[in-house]
């Protein structure tokens, strides 16, 4: 796992957890329930302040999401 040089902007803590979230993008992806947007979250372990960063997705993962629902 990649280590970040993270400092929480709210409490100046340096420990964090990483997470992932997927979301639909446009109208067609909402109709077919395909998550085309992917985000990585960084959450402070002390105050739980969370930041989201957009991550690139591949066409293959979008096709897999379409067939698995």
N, C-alpha and C. Protein backbone atom coordinates (compact mmCIF):
# COMPACT_ATOMS: atom_id res chain seq x y z
N UNK A 1 0.85 -1.18 0.00
CA UNK A 1 0.00 0.00 0.00
C UNK A 1 0.89 1.24 0.00
N UNK A 2 0.47 2.24 -0.71
CA UNK A 2 1.23 3.47 -0.84
C UNK A 2 1.10 4.30 0.44
N UNK A 3 2.21 4.86 0.91
CA UNK A 3 2.22 5.70 2.10
C UNK A 3 2.14 7.16 1.68
N UNK A 4 1.24 7.90 2.30
CA UNK A 4 1.07 9.31 2.00
C UNK A 4 1.74 10.16 3.08
N UNK A 5 2.21 11.31 2.69
CA UNK A 5 2.70 12.29 3.64
C UNK A 5 1.50 13.16 4.01
N UNK A 6 0.59 12.60 4.83
CA UNK A 6 -0.69 13.24 5.10
C UNK A 6 -0.68 13.97 6.44
N UNK A 7 -1.22 15.18 6.43
CA UNK A 7 -1.48 15.93 7.65
C UNK A 7 -2.92 16.42 7.59
N UNK A 8 -3.70 16.07 8.58
CA UNK A 8 -5.11 16.48 8.60
C UNK A 8 -5.21 18.00 8.69
N UNK A 9 -5.98 18.62 7.80
CA UNK A 9 -6.12 20.08 7.85
C UNK A 9 -6.94 20.58 9.04
N UNK A 10 -7.65 19.69 9.72
CA UNK A 10 -8.49 20.10 10.86
C UNK A 10 -7.76 19.99 12.19
N UNK A 11 -7.00 18.86 12.39
CA UNK A 11 -6.40 18.63 13.71
C UNK A 11 -4.90 18.36 13.67
N UNK A 12 -4.27 18.44 12.50
CA UNK A 12 -2.82 18.24 12.32
C UNK A 12 -2.33 16.83 12.66
N UNK A 13 -3.23 15.87 12.66
CA UNK A 13 -2.86 14.47 12.91
C UNK A 13 -2.21 13.88 11.65
N UNK A 14 -1.35 12.86 11.82
CA UNK A 14 -0.65 12.26 10.68
C UNK A 14 -1.11 10.83 10.39
N UNK A 15 -2.00 10.25 11.20
CA UNK A 15 -2.46 8.88 10.94
C UNK A 15 -3.81 8.93 10.22
N UNK A 16 -4.00 8.01 9.29
CA UNK A 16 -5.17 8.04 8.42
C UNK A 16 -5.52 6.63 7.96
N UNK A 17 -6.71 6.49 7.38
CA UNK A 17 -7.12 5.25 6.71
C UNK A 17 -7.54 5.62 5.29
N UNK A 18 -7.31 4.68 4.36
CA UNK A 18 -7.71 4.87 2.97
C UNK A 18 -8.94 4.02 2.68
N UNK A 19 -9.82 4.54 1.83
CA UNK A 19 -11.02 3.81 1.42
C UNK A 19 -11.29 4.06 -0.05
N UNK A 20 -12.35 3.46 -0.55
CA UNK A 20 -12.72 3.61 -1.95
C UNK A 20 -14.23 3.75 -2.06
N UNK A 21 -14.66 4.52 -3.05
CA UNK A 21 -16.08 4.72 -3.30
C UNK A 21 -16.30 4.78 -4.80
N UNK A 22 -17.40 4.20 -5.26
CA UNK A 22 -17.78 4.29 -6.68
C UNK A 22 -19.13 4.98 -6.77
N UNK A 23 -19.32 5.72 -7.86
CA UNK A 23 -20.58 6.45 -8.07
C UNK A 23 -20.93 6.46 -9.55
N UNK A 24 -22.21 6.70 -9.84
CA UNK A 24 -22.62 6.81 -11.23
C UNK A 24 -22.21 8.16 -11.78
N UNK A 25 -22.04 8.24 -13.09
CA UNK A 25 -21.61 9.48 -13.71
C UNK A 25 -22.76 10.24 -14.33
N UNK A 26 -23.22 9.82 -15.49
CA UNK A 26 -24.27 10.53 -16.20
C UNK A 26 -25.59 9.79 -16.17
N UNK A 27 -26.52 10.24 -17.00
CA UNK A 27 -27.88 9.71 -17.03
C UNK A 27 -27.92 8.23 -17.40
N UNK A 28 -27.21 7.84 -18.47
CA UNK A 28 -27.23 6.44 -18.89
C UNK A 28 -26.63 5.52 -17.85
N UNK A 29 -25.56 5.95 -17.20
CA UNK A 29 -24.97 5.10 -16.17
C UNK A 29 -25.90 4.96 -14.97
N UNK A 30 -26.72 5.97 -14.70
CA UNK A 30 -27.71 5.87 -13.63
C UNK A 30 -28.82 4.90 -14.01
N UNK A 31 -29.27 4.95 -15.26
CA UNK A 31 -30.34 4.06 -15.72
C UNK A 31 -29.90 2.61 -15.64
N UNK A 32 -28.67 2.33 -16.09
CA UNK A 32 -28.17 0.95 -16.10
C UNK A 32 -27.41 0.58 -14.83
N UNK A 33 -27.37 1.48 -13.84
CA UNK A 33 -26.71 1.26 -12.56
C UNK A 33 -25.25 0.85 -12.74
N UNK A 34 -24.51 1.63 -13.53
CA UNK A 34 -23.08 1.39 -13.76
C UNK A 34 -22.30 2.51 -13.08
N UNK A 35 -21.39 2.13 -12.19
CA UNK A 35 -20.58 3.12 -11.48
C UNK A 35 -19.36 3.47 -12.32
N UNK A 36 -19.41 4.62 -12.98
CA UNK A 36 -18.31 5.04 -13.86
C UNK A 36 -17.31 5.93 -13.16
N UNK A 37 -17.64 6.45 -12.00
CA UNK A 37 -16.75 7.34 -11.27
C UNK A 37 -16.16 6.58 -10.08
N UNK A 38 -14.87 6.76 -9.83
CA UNK A 38 -14.20 6.08 -8.72
C UNK A 38 -13.44 7.13 -7.91
N UNK A 39 -13.55 7.05 -6.58
CA UNK A 39 -12.90 8.00 -5.68
C UNK A 39 -12.14 7.25 -4.59
N UNK A 40 -11.01 7.82 -4.18
CA UNK A 40 -10.27 7.32 -3.04
C UNK A 40 -10.49 8.29 -1.89
N UNK A 41 -10.77 7.75 -0.71
CA UNK A 41 -10.98 8.61 0.45
C UNK A 41 -9.80 8.49 1.40
N UNK A 42 -9.47 9.61 2.04
CA UNK A 42 -8.46 9.65 3.09
C UNK A 42 -9.16 10.17 4.33
N UNK A 43 -9.21 9.35 5.40
CA UNK A 43 -9.92 9.72 6.62
C UNK A 43 -8.95 9.81 7.78
N UNK A 44 -8.96 10.92 8.48
CA UNK A 44 -8.13 11.12 9.66
C UNK A 44 -8.59 10.16 10.76
N UNK A 45 -7.64 9.48 11.40
CA UNK A 45 -7.99 8.52 12.46
C UNK A 45 -8.41 9.23 13.76
N UNK A 46 -8.01 10.48 13.96
CA UNK A 46 -8.34 11.18 15.19
C UNK A 46 -9.72 11.84 15.12
N UNK A 47 -9.95 12.68 14.11
CA UNK A 47 -11.20 13.48 14.07
C UNK A 47 -12.18 13.01 12.99
N UNK A 48 -11.82 12.03 12.19
CA UNK A 48 -12.60 11.43 11.10
C UNK A 48 -12.92 12.39 9.95
N UNK A 49 -12.17 13.48 9.83
CA UNK A 49 -12.30 14.36 8.68
C UNK A 49 -11.92 13.55 7.44
N UNK A 50 -12.73 13.64 6.36
CA UNK A 50 -12.51 12.83 5.16
C UNK A 50 -12.42 13.70 3.92
N UNK A 51 -11.44 13.37 3.07
CA UNK A 51 -11.27 14.03 1.78
C UNK A 51 -11.41 12.97 0.70
N UNK A 52 -12.01 13.33 -0.44
CA UNK A 52 -12.18 12.42 -1.57
C UNK A 52 -11.36 12.91 -2.75
N UNK A 53 -10.70 11.97 -3.43
CA UNK A 53 -9.90 12.27 -4.61
C UNK A 53 -10.36 11.39 -5.76
N UNK A 54 -10.61 11.99 -6.90
CA UNK A 54 -11.08 11.24 -8.06
C UNK A 54 -9.95 10.37 -8.60
N UNK A 55 -10.28 9.12 -8.94
CA UNK A 55 -9.33 8.14 -9.44
C UNK A 55 -9.75 7.73 -10.84
N UNK A 56 -8.79 7.43 -11.70
CA UNK A 56 -9.11 6.98 -13.05
C UNK A 56 -9.68 5.57 -13.02
N UNK A 57 -10.67 5.32 -13.90
CA UNK A 57 -11.23 3.98 -14.05
C UNK A 57 -10.97 3.49 -15.46
N UNK A 58 -10.91 2.19 -15.61
CA UNK A 58 -10.69 1.62 -16.95
C UNK A 58 -12.03 1.21 -17.55
N UNK A 59 -12.08 1.12 -18.85
CA UNK A 59 -13.29 0.67 -19.53
C UNK A 59 -13.65 -0.75 -19.15
N UNK A 60 -12.65 -1.60 -18.87
CA UNK A 60 -12.89 -2.98 -18.49
C UNK A 60 -13.62 -3.07 -17.16
N UNK A 61 -13.25 -2.24 -16.19
CA UNK A 61 -13.95 -2.27 -14.91
C UNK A 61 -15.39 -1.79 -15.05
N UNK A 62 -15.64 -0.84 -15.96
CA UNK A 62 -17.00 -0.37 -16.21
C UNK A 62 -17.85 -1.46 -16.84
N UNK A 63 -17.30 -2.24 -17.76
CA UNK A 63 -18.02 -3.35 -18.38
C UNK A 63 -18.31 -4.42 -17.34
N UNK A 64 -17.34 -4.73 -16.49
CA UNK A 64 -17.54 -5.71 -15.42
C UNK A 64 -18.66 -5.28 -14.49
N UNK A 65 -18.70 -3.98 -14.12
CA UNK A 65 -19.76 -3.45 -13.27
C UNK A 65 -21.13 -3.61 -13.95
N UNK A 66 -21.19 -3.40 -15.25
CA UNK A 66 -22.45 -3.50 -15.96
C UNK A 66 -23.02 -4.92 -15.87
N UNK A 67 -22.17 -5.94 -16.04
CA UNK A 67 -22.65 -7.32 -16.03
C UNK A 67 -22.87 -7.87 -14.63
N UNK A 68 -22.18 -7.34 -13.63
CA UNK A 68 -22.36 -7.85 -12.26
C UNK A 68 -23.39 -7.05 -11.48
N UNK A 69 -23.75 -5.86 -11.98
CA UNK A 69 -24.78 -5.06 -11.31
C UNK A 69 -24.26 -4.47 -10.07
